[in-house]
C-alpha atoms as a PDB file:
ATOM      1  CA  MET A   1       0.000   0.000   0.000  1.00  0.00           C
ATOM      2  CA  VAL A   2       2.861   2.390   0.794  1.00  0.00           C
ATOM      3  CA  GLU A   3       4.178   2.061  -2.774  1.00  0.00           C
ATOM      4  CA  ALA A   4       0.749   2.901  -4.215  1.00  0.00           C
ATOM      5  CA  VAL A   5       0.356   5.971  -2.006  1.00  0.00           C
ATOM      6  CA  LYS A   6       3.873   7.148  -2.896  1.00  0.00           C
ATOM      7  CA  ALA A   7       2.994   6.835  -6.606  1.00  0.00           C
ATOM      8  CA  VAL A   8      -0.093   9.010  -6.061  1.00  0.00           C
ATOM      9  CA  ILE A   9       2.011  11.530  -4.104  1.00  0.00           C
ATOM     10  CA  ASP A  10       4.553  11.708  -6.939  1.00  0.00           C
ATOM     11  CA  PHE A  11       1.769  12.202  -9.479  1.00  0.00           C
ATOM     12  CA  CYS A  12       0.143  14.964  -7.420  1.00  0.00           C
ATOM     13  CA  PHE A  13       3.387  16.852  -6.856  1.00  0.00           C
ATOM     14  CA  ASP A  14       5.118  16.238 -10.208  1.00  0.00           C
ATOM     15  CA  ASP A  15       2.282  16.125 -12.743  1.00  0.00           C
ATOM     16  CA  LEU A  16      -0.448  18.167 -11.055  1.00  0.00           C
ATOM     17  CA  GLU A  17       2.094  20.513  -9.450  1.00  0.00           C
ATOM     18  CA  LEU A  18       0.245  20.654  -6.122  1.00  0.00           C
ATOM     19  CA  ASP A  19       1.994  22.222  -3.141  1.00  0.00           C
ATOM     20  CA  ALA A  20       0.457  20.078  -0.394  1.00  0.00           C
ATOM     21  CA  LEU A  21      -1.766  17.060   0.188  1.00  0.00           C
ATOM     22  CA  THR A  22      -4.104  16.270   3.050  1.00  0.00           C
ATOM     23  CA  SER A  23      -5.479  12.961   4.194  1.00  0.00           C
ATOM     24  CA  GLY A  24      -7.319  11.432   7.091  1.00  0.00           C
ATOM     25  CA  HIS A  25      -8.377   8.197   8.693  1.00  0.00           C
ATOM     26  CA  ASP A  26     -10.644   6.884  11.394  1.00  0.00           C
ATOM     27  CA  PRO A  27      -8.803   6.837  14.733  1.00  0.00           C
ATOM     28  CA  SER A  28      -9.284   3.075  15.018  1.00  0.00           C
ATOM     29  CA  ASN A  29      -7.646   2.386  11.629  1.00  0.00           C
ATOM     30  CA  VAL A  30      -4.046   1.827  12.714  1.00  0.00           C
ATOM     31  CA  GLN A  31      -2.948   0.475   9.316  1.00  0.00           C
ATOM     32  CA  SER A  32      -3.941   3.710   7.559  1.00  0.00           C
ATOM     33  CA  LYS A  33      -2.076   5.711  10.197  1.00  0.00           C
ATOM     34  CA  ARG A  34       1.087   3.688   9.533  1.00  0.00           C
ATOM     35  CA  VAL A  35       0.819   4.128   5.763  1.00  0.00           C
ATOM     36  CA  LEU A  36       0.419   7.913   6.054  1.00  0.00           C
ATOM     37  CA  GLU A  37       3.331   8.212   8.458  1.00  0.00           C
ATOM     38  CA  LYS A  38       5.601   6.007   6.291  1.00  0.00           C
ATOM     39  CA  CYS A  39       4.766   8.258   3.332  1.00  0.00           C
ATOM     40  CA  GLY A  40       5.831  11.374   5.233  1.00  0.00           C
ATOM     41  CA  PHE A  41       2.479  12.826   6.239  1.00  0.00           C
ATOM     42  CA  GLY A  42       2.470  14.738   9.516  1.00  0.00           C
ATOM     43  CA  TYR A  43      -0.383  14.651  12.009  1.00  0.00           C
ATOM     44  CA  VAL A  44      -2.300  17.938  12.326  1.00  0.00           C
ATOM     45  CA  LYS A  45      -5.402  17.315  14.451  1.00  0.00           C
ATOM     46  CA  THR A  46      -8.388  15.095  15.090  1.00  0.00           C
ATOM     47  CA  SER A  47     -11.583  16.541  13.665  1.00  0.00           C
ATOM     48  CA  GLU A  48     -15.152  15.774  14.622  1.00  0.00           C
ATOM     49  CA  TYR A  49     -17.875  15.419  11.987  1.00  0.00           C
ATOM     50  CA  TYR A  50     -21.618  15.157  12.413  1.00  0.00           C
ATOM     51  CA  TYR A  51     -23.662  13.570   9.629  1.00  0.00           C
ATOM     52  CA  GLU A  52     -27.167  14.871  10.168  1.00  0.00           C
ATOM     53  CA  GLN A  53     -28.836  12.508   7.685  1.00  0.00           C
ATOM     54  CA  PHE A  54     -27.538   9.543   9.710  1.00  0.00           C
ATOM     55  CA  ASP A  55     -27.519  11.220  13.137  1.00  0.00           C
ATOM     56  CA  LEU A  56     -23.914  10.052  13.353  1.00  0.00           C
ATOM     57  CA  LEU A  57     -20.938  11.672  15.081  1.00  0.00           C
ATOM     58  CA  THR A  58     -17.562  10.500  13.806  1.00  0.00           C
ATOM     59  CA  HIS A  59     -13.908  11.515  14.049  1.00  0.00           C
ATOM     60  CA  SER A  60     -11.046  11.761  11.575  1.00  0.00           C
ATOM     61  CA  MET A  61      -7.338  12.087  12.268  1.00  0.00           C
ATOM     62  CA  ARG A  62      -6.065  14.686   9.773  1.00  0.00           C
ATOM     63  CA  TYR A  63      -2.584  14.760   8.181  1.00  0.00           C
ATOM     64  CA  ILE A  64      -0.697  16.995   5.750  1.00  0.00           C
ATOM     65  CA  LEU A  65       2.277  16.556   3.440  1.00  0.00           C
ATOM     66  CA  HIS A  66       4.051  19.588   1.938  1.00  0.00           C
ATOM     67  CA  LYS A  67       5.894  19.294  -1.366  1.00  0.00           C
ATOM     68  CA  GLU A  68       8.998  21.095  -0.013  1.00  0.00           C
ATOM     69  CA  LYS A  69       9.390  18.579   2.794  1.00  0.00           C
ATOM     70  CA  THR A  70       9.396  15.633   0.376  1.00  0.00           C
ATOM     71  CA  LYS A  71      12.226  17.226  -1.623  1.00  0.00           C
ATOM     72  CA  VAL A  72      14.288  17.818   1.535  1.00  0.00           C
ATOM     73  CA  ALA A  73      13.743  14.226   2.706  1.00  0.00           C
ATOM     74  CA  ALA A  74      14.716  12.837  -0.694  1.00  0.00           C
ATOM     75  CA  GLY A  75      17.624  15.278  -1.071  1.00  0.00           C
END
């Protein structure tokens, strides 16, 4: 999975010329957390979302990856 995410990151930064990417996962999804961290994403905060149509309160751990930081790490 890490290789697939890194390919998407490369595409977003190299081909789409984006400056940053964000991602998130459910706090109980430890595998997703590991993938994001191995790909260089940094934790920002845990957000709370309420879905009115389902009367459901959920949480998401939010991460960010800046293009400059990937160049420094690869450098």
